[in-house]
Amino acid sequence: MPVKEAATHAFWLAGRQATGEETFDVASPWDGRHVGTVSVPTEAQVEEAVAAATAVADEFAATPAHVRAAALDHICRRVTERADEIADLITAENGKPLRWARGEVGRCISVFRWAAEEARRFNGGTAQRLDSDAGGQGRLGLTRRFPRGPVLGIAPFNFPLNLCAHKVAPAIAVGTPIILKPAPATPLSGLLIGELLAETDLPAGSWSVLPVPNDRMPALVQDERLPVISFTGSGPVGWSLVDAVPRKHLTLELGGQGAALVLSDYSSDADLDHAAQRIAMFSNYQGGQSCISVQRVIADTSVYDRLVPRVVAAVEAQVTGDPTDPATEVGPQISEDAAKRIESWVEEAVTAGAKLLTGGKRDGASYAPTVLEDVPRDTQIGCEEVFGPVLTLTRVDGEREAYEAANDSIYGLQAGVFTHDVQTAFRAHRALEVGGVIIGDVPSYRADQMPYGGAKQSGVGREGVQYAMDDYTYERVMVLTGLEL
C-alpha cells in the first residue's frame, strides 16, 4: 500500500509531539519521490529533552518492572498490528525491498518481546556469602544492577526500524531514559517508534526521538548529562566519538568485512549449491548495506573451481529492481552518491588487476550485484568495507590458510564457516578474530537476543537485548552485616 504522507512529521520531545522552526524532506532512494517532511528540533528543544531525561532518571529507574514490561509488550503488539504499513514505510524511505522490510518488522517485534521478558527477569539481585574469609563472618553481599544514566542512541539508515529498537527497548527494560537520534536519511521509522511509545504509560521525559542534523551532534555527544552512548554506524564516526568523549561509556557497532569460508569437507554438489545460494543472497540482501553481509568468499582450493560458477550463477539470478515489488531481492543504495562510491571502488580494483566475473554496472542509485576475483589486498575493496552488493573470491590451501585470510582484515564482526565437522567448528571458533562465528552458514545470521558485536575495528561492546541491558547498567554491591548465615 502507498505510504500516507503527513503534512509535516513532528518529532517526540520528552514524550510529546513537537515541531521546530526548520524542516527537511525525505525522498525515496529508488525513484526520488517525496516520502515525507520532518520537523527539526531547535537547540532549545534539544536542551529541554536532555534536561527532562536527567530530571526523570531516578523516577524511571524506580518504575516497577511490570510497568516497563507492559510498555514493551504494547509496542510489540502494535508493531504486529501495523506490520504491513510499517514495512511499506521502511521501503519508501530506505529503498529496501519489501521482502526484507517485512523481515525487519518481524525482527523489531522480537526485540520488543525479548525486552519485555528480560524486564521482568532483570535486577533480581545475586547474594554472595562473604564469610569464606574470617573477616567476612556474618556478612552477605547483595549485588544488583543500576542504570549508568540517560542514553544517547544514534541509529543508522540501513535498518531504520530494528536498530532504533535495539537502542530503545533495552533502555526501557532497565528503566533508563533515552534520547534517540535516527539517521537523517531514514527518520520516519524512528519517529513511528515514538508514536507507539506515546501510547504507553512511561514517565514523561523518559524518552525523546530527535531528528537532529549530524552537524549538530557534537554538542549532544559532549553533554555530560548523557553518560552512555550507543552508536551504530561507520568506523570513522564511531572512533571519533571515543576520541571526543573518552570517559563516557560507549557501545560501538561499526563496520565489517564479512567472510564466508568454504572448507574442503563441504564438497558435495548439494553442499556447494547450498553455499552458493546463501552467499549470493546475503552478499546482496539490503543492497549489501549490512555490516555482516558477505563481502569475502574464502574457499579451499579443492572446492574453489566448482564453487565459483555456482556463486556467479546465483548472483546473476538475484532479482533487482523496484523495491515495492515483492519479487525484488536487490534494491537501490541509500543514495546515488553511495552507488557512485561503490562504482569507483570496483573500477579501482579492476584497474589494479581484479577480474570482474559479473555485474560492475550502475544505474542511478542502483548498483548491479557484482563478483570479483583476485582483488589486490591494497585496493579499497581489498581492505575496507564496501557496504554494497560486491563480492570477492579468494582461493586458499587448507584450513589454516583460510583462517589467516579471514583474519587479514582490520575488521572482525562475524564470519561464516561452511563445514560439517564439529572439531573444525571449534577450531574456527578459536582461530577467527571476530565477535561471532556462524557454522554451516554465512556471517549474515543474527538473532536479536544473541550477543552481537565485533573485535578489532568493528567496535566495542555488545548489542542483543540482554547484553545491551548489561551495557546500560553497572553492578552495585550492598554488604549486610551481623547476619547469622
Protein backbone atom coordinates (compact mmCIF):
# COMPACT_ATOMS: atom_id res chain seq x y z
CA MET A 1 0.00 0.00 0.00
CA PRO A 2 1.29 3.56 -0.60
CA VAL A 3 2.74 5.38 2.37
CA LYS A 4 0.47 8.14 3.65
CA GLU A 5 2.30 11.42 3.96
CA ALA A 6 1.80 13.72 6.92
CA ALA A 7 1.95 17.45 6.21
CA THR A 8 4.98 17.60 8.49
CA HIS A 9 6.18 14.81 10.76
CA ALA A 10 6.58 16.16 14.28
CA PHE A 11 9.33 14.80 16.48
CA TRP A 12 8.92 13.50 20.01
CA LEU A 13 10.15 15.73 22.82
CA ALA A 14 10.03 14.26 26.33
CA GLY A 15 7.09 12.07 25.37
CA ARG A 16 5.02 14.63 23.47
CA GLN A 17 4.86 15.78 19.87
CA ALA A 18 6.64 18.99 18.98
CA THR A 19 7.81 20.93 15.93
CA GLY A 20 10.76 23.22 15.41
CA GLU A 21 11.49 26.12 13.12
CA GLU A 22 13.07 24.18 10.24
CA THR A 23 12.22 21.07 8.22
CA PHE A 24 13.88 18.66 5.82
CA ASP A 25 12.48 16.33 3.18
CA VAL A 26 12.80 12.55 2.97
CA ALA A 27 12.96 11.09 -0.55
CA SER A 28 12.82 7.55 -1.88
CA PRO A 29 16.25 6.27 -2.98
CA TRP A 30 14.52 4.26 -5.72
CA ASP A 31 12.68 6.96 -7.67
CA GLY A 32 13.30 10.18 -5.75
CA ARG A 33 9.65 10.68 -4.87
CA HIS A 34 8.81 12.72 -1.80
CA VAL A 35 8.13 10.44 1.18
CA GLY A 36 7.73 12.98 3.97
CA THR A 37 8.75 16.25 5.56
CA VAL A 38 10.29 16.17 9.02
CA SER A 39 10.49 18.95 11.58
CA VAL A 40 13.92 19.66 13.10
CA PRO A 41 14.22 20.42 16.83
CA THR A 42 15.76 23.72 17.83
CA GLU A 43 18.72 23.87 20.19
CA ALA A 44 16.38 24.94 22.98
CA GLN A 45 14.17 21.90 22.35
CA VAL A 46 17.17 19.57 22.43
CA GLU A 47 18.18 21.12 25.74
CA GLU A 48 14.64 20.56 27.04
CA ALA A 49 14.82 16.89 26.08
CA VAL A 50 18.16 16.36 27.84
CA ALA A 51 17.01 18.23 30.93
CA ALA A 52 13.82 16.15 31.06
CA ALA A 53 15.77 12.90 30.73
CA THR A 54 18.05 13.95 33.58
CA ALA A 55 15.16 15.02 35.79
CA VAL A 56 13.20 11.79 35.36
CA ALA A 57 16.13 9.36 35.65
CA ASP A 58 15.62 8.41 39.30
CA GLU A 59 11.86 8.09 38.91
CA PHE A 60 12.21 5.92 35.82
CA ALA A 61 14.80 3.66 37.45
CA ALA A 62 12.31 3.06 40.29
CA THR A 63 9.42 2.27 37.94
CA PRO A 64 8.07 -1.22 38.68
CA ALA A 65 9.23 -3.90 36.26
CA HIS A 66 5.67 -4.75 35.30
CA VAL A 67 5.08 -1.18 34.10
CA ARG A 68 8.14 -1.23 31.86
CA ALA A 69 7.35 -4.72 30.61
CA ALA A 70 3.76 -3.70 29.83
CA ALA A 71 5.00 -0.76 27.73
CA LEU A 72 7.32 -3.05 25.79
CA ASP A 73 4.55 -5.60 25.30
CA HIS A 74 2.31 -2.82 23.99
CA ILE A 75 4.86 -1.75 21.37
CA CYS A 76 5.38 -5.37 20.34
CA ARG A 77 1.64 -5.78 19.87
CA ARG A 78 1.20 -2.50 17.99
CA VAL A 79 4.07 -3.18 15.59
CA THR A 80 2.47 -6.55 14.89
CA GLU A 81 -0.89 -4.90 14.18
CA ARG A 82 0.67 -2.33 11.85
CA ALA A 83 3.28 -4.61 10.27
CA ASP A 84 2.31 -4.09 6.62
CA GLU A 85 2.11 -0.31 7.00
CA ILE A 86 5.49 -0.17 8.73
CA ALA A 87 7.14 -2.38 6.10
CA ASP A 88 5.84 -0.05 3.39
CA LEU A 89 7.31 2.90 5.30
CA ILE A 90 10.74 1.26 5.53
CA THR A 91 10.72 0.51 1.80
CA ALA A 92 9.65 4.06 0.98
CA GLU A 93 12.33 5.88 2.98
CA ASN A 94 15.14 3.35 2.74
CA GLY A 95 14.65 1.69 -0.67
CA LYS A 96 14.86 -1.72 1.00
CA PRO A 97 12.97 -4.40 -0.95
CA LEU A 98 9.62 -5.16 0.61
CA ARG A 99 10.57 -8.76 1.40
CA TRP A 100 13.47 -7.57 3.55
CA ALA A 101 11.43 -4.72 5.05
CA ARG A 102 8.86 -7.25 6.24
CA GLY A 103 11.67 -9.28 7.78
CA GLU A 104 12.92 -6.19 9.59
CA VAL A 105 9.48 -5.55 11.05
CA GLY A 106 9.40 -9.14 12.31
CA ARG A 107 12.76 -8.68 13.97
CA CYS A 108 11.61 -5.46 15.64
CA ILE A 109 8.66 -7.34 17.10
CA SER A 110 11.07 -9.91 18.51
CA VAL A 111 13.30 -7.21 20.03
CA PHE A 112 10.45 -5.65 21.99
CA ARG A 113 9.13 -9.07 23.01
CA TRP A 114 12.54 -10.13 24.31
CA ALA A 115 12.92 -6.80 26.11
CA ALA A 116 9.55 -7.25 27.84
CA GLU A 117 10.62 -10.69 29.01
CA GLU A 118 14.04 -9.51 30.16
CA ALA A 119 12.49 -6.54 32.01
CA ARG A 120 10.56 -8.99 34.17
CA ARG A 121 13.72 -11.01 34.95
CA PHE A 122 16.16 -8.13 35.31
CA ASN A 123 17.72 -6.88 38.54
CA GLY A 124 16.61 -9.65 40.84
CA GLY A 125 19.99 -9.45 42.57
CA THR A 126 22.60 -12.05 43.45
CA ALA A 127 23.63 -12.92 47.00
CA GLN A 128 27.16 -13.92 47.99
CA ARG A 129 28.31 -15.18 51.36
CA LEU A 130 31.38 -13.24 52.41
CA ASP A 131 32.31 -15.47 55.37
CA SER A 132 34.61 -17.56 53.21
CA ASP A 133 37.28 -15.41 54.92
CA ALA A 134 37.29 -14.81 58.66
CA GLY A 135 36.95 -11.05 58.17
CA GLY A 136 33.64 -11.59 56.41
CA GLN A 137 31.91 -13.53 59.14
CA GLY A 138 28.26 -12.54 59.42
CA ARG A 139 28.36 -10.62 56.15
CA LEU A 140 26.38 -11.10 52.96
CA GLY A 141 26.99 -9.25 49.68
CA LEU A 142 23.91 -8.39 47.64
CA THR A 143 24.66 -7.26 44.07
CA ARG A 144 22.15 -5.50 41.83
CA ARG A 145 22.45 -3.57 38.59
CA PHE A 146 21.52 0.10 38.27
CA PRO A 147 21.36 2.41 35.21
CA ARG A 148 24.52 4.33 34.37
CA GLY A 149 22.36 7.29 33.36
CA PRO A 150 20.46 8.60 30.33
CA VAL A 151 21.44 7.07 26.99
CA LEU A 152 22.10 8.80 23.67
CA GLY A 153 21.16 6.27 20.98
CA ILE A 154 22.43 7.02 17.46
CA ALA A 155 20.94 4.78 14.78
CA PRO A 156 21.96 4.20 11.12
CA PHE A 157 19.93 4.17 7.91
CA ASN A 158 20.32 0.53 6.87
CA PHE A 159 17.90 -0.93 9.45
CA PRO A 160 15.90 2.21 10.24
CA LEU A 161 13.36 0.43 12.45
CA ASN A 162 15.14 -2.51 14.06
CA LEU A 163 18.34 -0.70 15.01
CA CYS A 164 16.27 2.03 16.63
CA ALA A 165 14.51 -0.76 18.52
CA HIS A 166 17.89 -2.10 19.66
CA LYS A 167 18.62 1.27 21.29
CA VAL A 168 15.18 1.94 22.77
CA ALA A 169 13.94 -1.45 24.01
CA PRO A 170 16.88 -2.24 26.35
CA ALA A 171 16.72 1.28 27.80
CA ILE A 172 13.06 0.89 28.69
CA ALA A 173 13.72 -2.60 30.05
CA VAL A 174 16.28 -1.32 32.59
CA GLY A 175 14.48 1.95 33.31
CA THR A 176 16.95 4.43 31.91
CA PRO A 177 15.90 7.46 29.83
CA ILE A 178 16.93 7.51 26.18
CA ILE A 179 17.26 10.17 23.53
CA LEU A 180 17.10 8.51 20.12
CA LYS A 181 18.63 10.14 17.07
CA PRO A 182 17.50 8.37 13.89
CA ALA A 183 19.54 8.63 10.69
CA PRO A 184 18.83 11.79 8.63
CA ALA A 185 18.11 9.72 5.52
CA THR A 186 15.57 7.48 7.29
CA PRO A 187 13.98 9.27 10.26
CA LEU A 188 10.37 8.16 9.74
CA SER A 189 10.73 4.67 11.19
CA GLY A 190 12.29 6.05 14.37
CA LEU A 191 9.54 8.64 14.67
CA LEU A 192 6.98 5.85 14.33
CA ILE A 193 8.52 4.12 17.36
CA GLY A 194 7.96 7.41 19.17
CA GLU A 195 4.32 7.33 18.12
CA LEU A 196 3.92 3.92 19.73
CA LEU A 197 5.83 4.90 22.86
CA ALA A 198 3.42 7.79 23.28
CA GLU A 199 0.60 5.27 23.67
CA THR A 200 2.21 3.83 26.83
CA ASP A 201 2.25 4.97 30.47
CA LEU A 202 6.00 5.54 30.64
CA PRO A 203 7.04 8.66 32.58
CA ALA A 204 7.19 11.91 30.62
CA GLY A 205 10.79 12.73 29.82
CA SER A 206 11.93 9.11 29.81
CA TRP A 207 12.25 9.11 26.02
CA SER A 208 12.63 11.51 23.08
CA VAL A 209 13.09 10.93 19.35
CA LEU A 210 15.02 13.85 17.90
CA PRO A 211 15.95 14.04 14.17
CA VAL A 212 18.93 16.28 14.86
CA PRO A 213 21.19 17.04 11.87
CA ASN A 214 24.60 15.39 12.01
CA ASP A 215 26.41 18.72 12.16
CA ARG A 216 24.67 19.49 15.46
CA MET A 217 25.56 16.20 17.11
CA PRO A 218 28.85 17.20 18.79
CA ALA A 219 27.03 19.17 21.47
CA LEU A 220 24.81 16.19 22.32
CA VAL A 221 27.76 13.82 22.30
CA GLN A 222 29.71 16.08 24.66
CA ASP A 223 26.82 16.65 27.08
CA GLU A 224 27.86 15.18 30.44
CA ARG A 225 24.21 14.51 31.33
CA LEU A 226 24.23 11.69 28.76
CA PRO A 227 26.90 9.34 30.15
CA VAL A 228 26.09 6.43 27.82
CA ILE A 229 26.27 6.46 24.01
CA SER A 230 25.08 3.57 21.87
CA PHE A 231 26.20 4.15 18.29
CA THR A 232 25.74 2.05 15.17
CA GLY A 233 27.39 3.36 12.02
CA SER A 234 30.67 3.93 10.25
CA GLY A 235 34.07 3.29 11.77
CA PRO A 236 35.47 6.83 11.33
CA VAL A 237 32.48 8.39 13.07
CA GLY A 238 32.40 5.76 15.80
CA TRP A 239 36.06 6.07 16.71
CA SER A 240 35.80 9.86 16.61
CA LEU A 241 33.27 9.53 19.44
CA VAL A 242 35.83 7.64 21.51
CA ASP A 243 38.34 10.43 20.93
CA ALA A 244 35.77 13.11 21.74
CA VAL A 245 34.42 11.59 24.97
CA PRO A 246 36.96 9.05 26.29
CA ARG A 247 35.39 8.97 29.76
CA LYS A 248 31.89 8.08 28.61
CA HIS A 249 30.58 4.54 28.35
CA LEU A 250 30.30 3.75 24.64
CA THR A 251 28.89 0.82 22.72
CA LEU A 252 30.06 0.95 19.11
CA GLU A 253 28.67 -1.30 16.39
CA LEU A 254 30.83 -0.39 13.40
CA GLY A 255 31.91 -1.87 10.09
CA GLY A 256 32.69 -5.35 8.93
CA GLN A 257 34.21 -7.20 6.02
CA GLY A 258 32.17 -10.37 6.37
CA ALA A 259 33.96 -13.54 5.28
CA ALA A 260 32.34 -16.83 4.28
CA LEU A 261 34.81 -19.71 4.46
CA VAL A 262 34.03 -22.80 2.37
CA LEU A 263 36.27 -25.59 3.65
CA SER A 264 37.35 -28.80 1.97
CA ASP A 265 34.80 -31.10 3.62
CA TYR A 266 31.90 -29.01 2.31
CA SER A 267 32.31 -30.62 -1.08
CA SER A 268 29.24 -32.41 -2.39
CA ASP A 269 27.20 -30.87 -5.19
CA ALA A 270 24.39 -30.25 -2.71
CA ASP A 271 26.82 -28.59 -0.29
CA LEU A 272 28.22 -26.23 -2.91
CA ASP A 273 24.80 -25.41 -4.31
CA HIS A 274 23.61 -24.51 -0.82
CA ALA A 275 26.69 -22.43 -0.03
CA ALA A 276 26.46 -20.57 -3.34
CA GLN A 277 22.77 -19.73 -2.81
CA ARG A 278 23.35 -18.45 0.72
CA ILE A 279 26.42 -16.46 -0.32
CA ALA A 280 24.62 -14.87 -3.27
CA MET A 281 21.57 -13.92 -1.25
CA PHE A 282 23.47 -12.46 1.68
CA SER A 283 26.08 -10.58 -0.30
CA ASN A 284 23.20 -8.68 -1.88
CA TYR A 285 20.41 -8.51 0.71
CA GLN A 286 19.70 -4.93 1.81
CA GLY A 287 21.69 -4.00 -1.32
CA GLY A 288 24.78 -5.19 0.54
CA GLN A 289 24.16 -2.41 3.06
CA SER A 290 24.67 -4.57 6.12
CA CYS A 291 27.75 -4.80 8.30
CA ILE A 292 27.52 -8.60 8.20
CA SER A 293 26.76 -9.04 4.52
CA VAL A 294 29.10 -11.43 2.70
CA GLN A 295 31.92 -9.39 1.17
CA ARG A 296 34.63 -12.05 1.02
CA VAL A 297 34.37 -15.70 -0.01
CA ILE A 298 37.43 -17.70 1.02
CA ALA A 299 37.29 -21.18 -0.48
CA ASP A 300 39.60 -24.15 -0.20
CA THR A 301 41.37 -24.94 -3.46
CA SER A 302 39.76 -28.40 -3.51
CA VAL A 303 36.28 -26.88 -3.94
CA TYR A 304 37.09 -23.47 -5.41
CA ASP A 305 36.72 -24.25 -9.12
CA ARG A 306 33.37 -25.95 -8.57
CA LEU A 307 32.08 -23.23 -6.26
CA VAL A 308 32.87 -20.15 -8.35
CA PRO A 309 30.50 -20.78 -11.29
CA ARG A 310 27.75 -21.65 -8.83
CA VAL A 311 28.25 -18.37 -6.96
CA VAL A 312 28.29 -16.34 -10.18
CA ALA A 313 25.12 -18.01 -11.43
CA ALA A 314 23.36 -17.49 -8.10
CA VAL A 315 24.37 -13.83 -8.01
CA GLU A 316 23.15 -13.29 -11.56
CA ALA A 317 19.81 -14.87 -10.59
CA GLN A 318 19.17 -12.22 -7.93
CA VAL A 319 16.08 -10.21 -8.84
CA THR A 320 16.83 -6.49 -8.96
CA GLY A 321 14.51 -3.55 -9.45
CA ASP A 322 11.58 -1.78 -7.82
CA PRO A 323 11.75 -2.40 -4.05
CA THR A 324 7.94 -2.27 -3.74
CA ASP A 325 7.68 -5.39 -5.91
CA PRO A 326 7.54 -8.41 -3.56
CA ALA A 327 9.69 -10.38 -6.02
CA THR A 328 12.59 -7.92 -5.82
CA GLU A 329 15.61 -9.14 -3.87
CA VAL A 330 18.09 -6.30 -4.50
CA GLY A 331 17.02 -2.67 -4.41
CA PRO A 332 18.92 0.63 -4.66
CA GLN A 333 21.64 2.03 -2.48
CA ILE A 334 20.62 4.69 0.01
CA SER A 335 21.71 7.40 -2.46
CA GLU A 336 23.25 7.88 -5.87
CA ASP A 337 26.45 9.10 -4.20
CA ALA A 338 26.69 5.78 -2.35
CA ALA A 339 26.32 3.89 -5.63
CA LYS A 340 28.95 6.10 -7.28
CA ARG A 341 31.40 5.32 -4.47
CA ILE A 342 30.90 1.58 -4.99
CA GLU A 343 31.36 2.07 -8.75
CA SER A 344 34.67 3.86 -8.20
CA TRP A 345 35.92 1.16 -5.83
CA VAL A 346 35.13 -1.61 -8.33
CA GLU A 347 36.83 0.33 -11.13
CA GLU A 348 39.91 0.78 -8.93
CA ALA A 349 40.05 -2.95 -8.20
CA VAL A 350 39.69 -3.94 -11.86
CA THR A 351 42.35 -1.43 -12.88
CA ALA A 352 44.65 -2.97 -10.25
CA GLY A 353 44.19 -6.45 -11.74
CA ALA A 354 40.97 -7.89 -10.27
CA LYS A 355 38.78 -9.98 -12.59
CA LEU A 356 35.17 -8.87 -12.97
CA LEU A 357 33.07 -12.04 -13.23
CA THR A 358 29.65 -10.39 -13.27
CA GLY A 359 27.98 -7.05 -12.54
CA GLY A 360 30.00 -3.87 -12.29
CA LYS A 361 27.26 -1.57 -13.62
CA ARG A 362 25.50 1.38 -12.03
CA ASP A 363 22.09 2.85 -12.88
CA GLY A 364 21.41 5.93 -10.77
CA ALA A 365 21.31 4.85 -7.12
CA SER A 366 21.27 1.15 -8.08
CA TYR A 367 24.40 -0.97 -8.42
CA ALA A 368 24.28 -4.40 -10.03
CA PRO A 369 25.22 -7.45 -7.92
CA THR A 370 28.92 -7.88 -8.60
CA VAL A 371 31.52 -10.64 -8.22
CA LEU A 372 35.27 -10.01 -8.35
CA GLU A 373 38.17 -12.45 -8.31
CA ASP A 374 41.83 -11.90 -7.40
CA VAL A 375 41.27 -8.50 -5.78
CA PRO A 376 44.59 -6.93 -4.72
CA ARG A 377 44.81 -6.53 -0.96
CA ASP A 378 45.84 -2.86 -1.19
CA THR A 379 42.70 -1.71 -3.05
CA GLN A 380 39.81 -0.20 -1.14
CA ILE A 381 37.60 -3.24 -1.76
CA GLY A 382 40.50 -5.44 -0.69
CA CYS A 383 40.89 -3.84 2.74
CA GLU A 384 37.75 -1.80 3.51
CA GLU A 385 34.04 -2.44 3.95
CA VAL A 386 32.34 -1.93 0.59
CA PHE A 387 28.82 -1.70 2.09
CA GLY A 388 27.28 -2.60 -1.22
CA PRO A 389 26.41 -5.62 -3.41
CA VAL A 390 30.00 -6.60 -4.20
CA LEU A 391 31.56 -9.99 -3.51
CA THR A 392 35.21 -11.03 -3.75
CA LEU A 393 36.54 -14.58 -4.24
CA THR A 394 39.82 -15.90 -2.83
CA ARG A 395 41.43 -19.36 -3.19
CA VAL A 396 43.29 -20.82 -0.19
CA ASP A 397 45.08 -24.08 0.51
CA GLY A 398 43.87 -25.63 3.73
CA GLU A 399 42.06 -24.67 6.88
CA ARG A 400 44.86 -22.67 8.48
CA GLU A 401 45.33 -20.54 5.39
CA ALA A 402 41.58 -19.90 5.32
CA TYR A 403 41.66 -18.57 8.89
CA GLU A 404 44.69 -16.43 8.13
CA ALA A 405 42.96 -14.92 5.10
CA ALA A 406 39.80 -14.21 7.08
CA ASN A 407 41.80 -12.56 9.87
CA ASP A 408 43.76 -10.45 7.38
CA SER A 409 41.40 -7.51 7.92
CA ILE A 410 41.16 -4.55 10.26
CA TYR A 411 37.58 -5.66 10.93
CA GLY A 412 36.26 -8.55 12.98
CA LEU A 413 32.48 -8.57 13.17
CA GLN A 414 31.26 -12.03 12.10
CA ALA A 415 32.42 -14.90 9.92
CA GLY A 416 30.61 -17.86 8.40
CA VAL A 417 32.25 -21.28 8.07
CA PHE A 418 30.82 -23.93 5.77
CA THR A 419 31.91 -27.22 7.32
CA HIS A 420 30.28 -30.39 8.60
CA ASP A 421 33.00 -31.23 11.11
CA VAL A 422 32.41 -30.31 14.75
CA GLN A 423 36.14 -30.29 15.54
CA THR A 424 36.68 -27.86 12.68
CA ALA A 425 33.88 -25.72 14.08
CA PHE A 426 35.62 -25.46 17.44
CA ARG A 427 38.97 -24.69 15.79
CA ALA A 428 37.31 -21.94 13.75
CA HIS A 429 35.69 -20.52 16.88
CA ARG A 430 39.12 -20.33 18.50
CA ALA A 431 41.05 -19.08 15.48
CA LEU A 432 38.80 -16.42 13.92
CA GLU A 433 39.21 -12.90 15.33
CA VAL A 434 35.56 -11.91 15.20
CA GLY A 435 32.62 -11.36 17.50
CA GLY A 436 30.57 -14.20 16.04
CA VAL A 437 31.28 -17.42 14.13
CA ILE A 438 28.36 -18.93 12.22
CA ILE A 439 28.88 -22.61 11.38
CA GLY A 440 27.24 -24.03 8.27
CA ASP A 441 26.07 -20.63 7.03
CA VAL A 442 27.06 -17.12 6.02
CA PRO A 443 28.24 -14.46 8.50
CA SER A 444 24.98 -12.58 7.99
CA TYR A 445 22.95 -14.56 10.50
CA ARG A 446 21.87 -12.58 13.55
CA ALA A 447 19.32 -13.48 16.21
CA ASP A 448 18.27 -10.36 18.08
CA GLN A 449 18.62 -12.00 21.50
CA MET A 450 22.21 -13.16 20.99
CA PRO A 451 25.31 -11.06 21.78
CA TYR A 452 26.20 -9.08 18.67
CA GLY A 453 29.35 -7.04 18.22
CA GLY A 454 32.86 -7.20 16.95
CA ALA A 455 36.58 -7.24 17.55
CA LYS A 456 39.35 -5.02 16.22
CA GLN A 457 37.96 -2.04 14.26
CA SER A 458 34.43 -3.44 14.27
CA GLY A 459 33.65 -1.82 17.60
CA VAL A 460 33.34 -2.34 21.34
CA GLY A 461 30.54 -3.70 23.49
CA ARG A 462 27.63 -5.91 22.53
CA GLU A 463 24.06 -5.47 21.38
CA GLY A 464 21.34 -8.08 21.78
CA VAL A 465 18.68 -7.17 24.32
CA GLN A 466 20.13 -8.76 27.45
CA TYR A 467 23.67 -7.66 26.59
CA ALA A 468 22.66 -4.07 25.86
CA MET A 469 20.82 -4.01 29.20
CA ASP A 470 24.08 -5.00 30.89
CA ASP A 471 25.87 -2.28 28.92
CA TYR A 472 23.38 0.38 30.05
CA THR A 473 23.84 -0.55 33.72
CA TYR A 474 26.54 -1.25 36.29
CA GLU A 475 26.85 -3.51 39.32
CA ARG A 476 26.40 -2.04 42.78
CA VAL A 477 27.03 -4.22 45.84
CA MET A 478 25.42 -3.82 49.26
CA VAL A 479 27.02 -5.59 52.24
CA LEU A 480 24.74 -6.67 55.05
CA THR A 481 26.49 -7.05 58.39
CA GLY A 482 25.80 -9.04 61.54
CA LEU A 483 23.80 -11.82 59.93
CA GLU A 484 23.54 -15.39 61.13
CA LEU A 485 24.31 -17.11 57.83
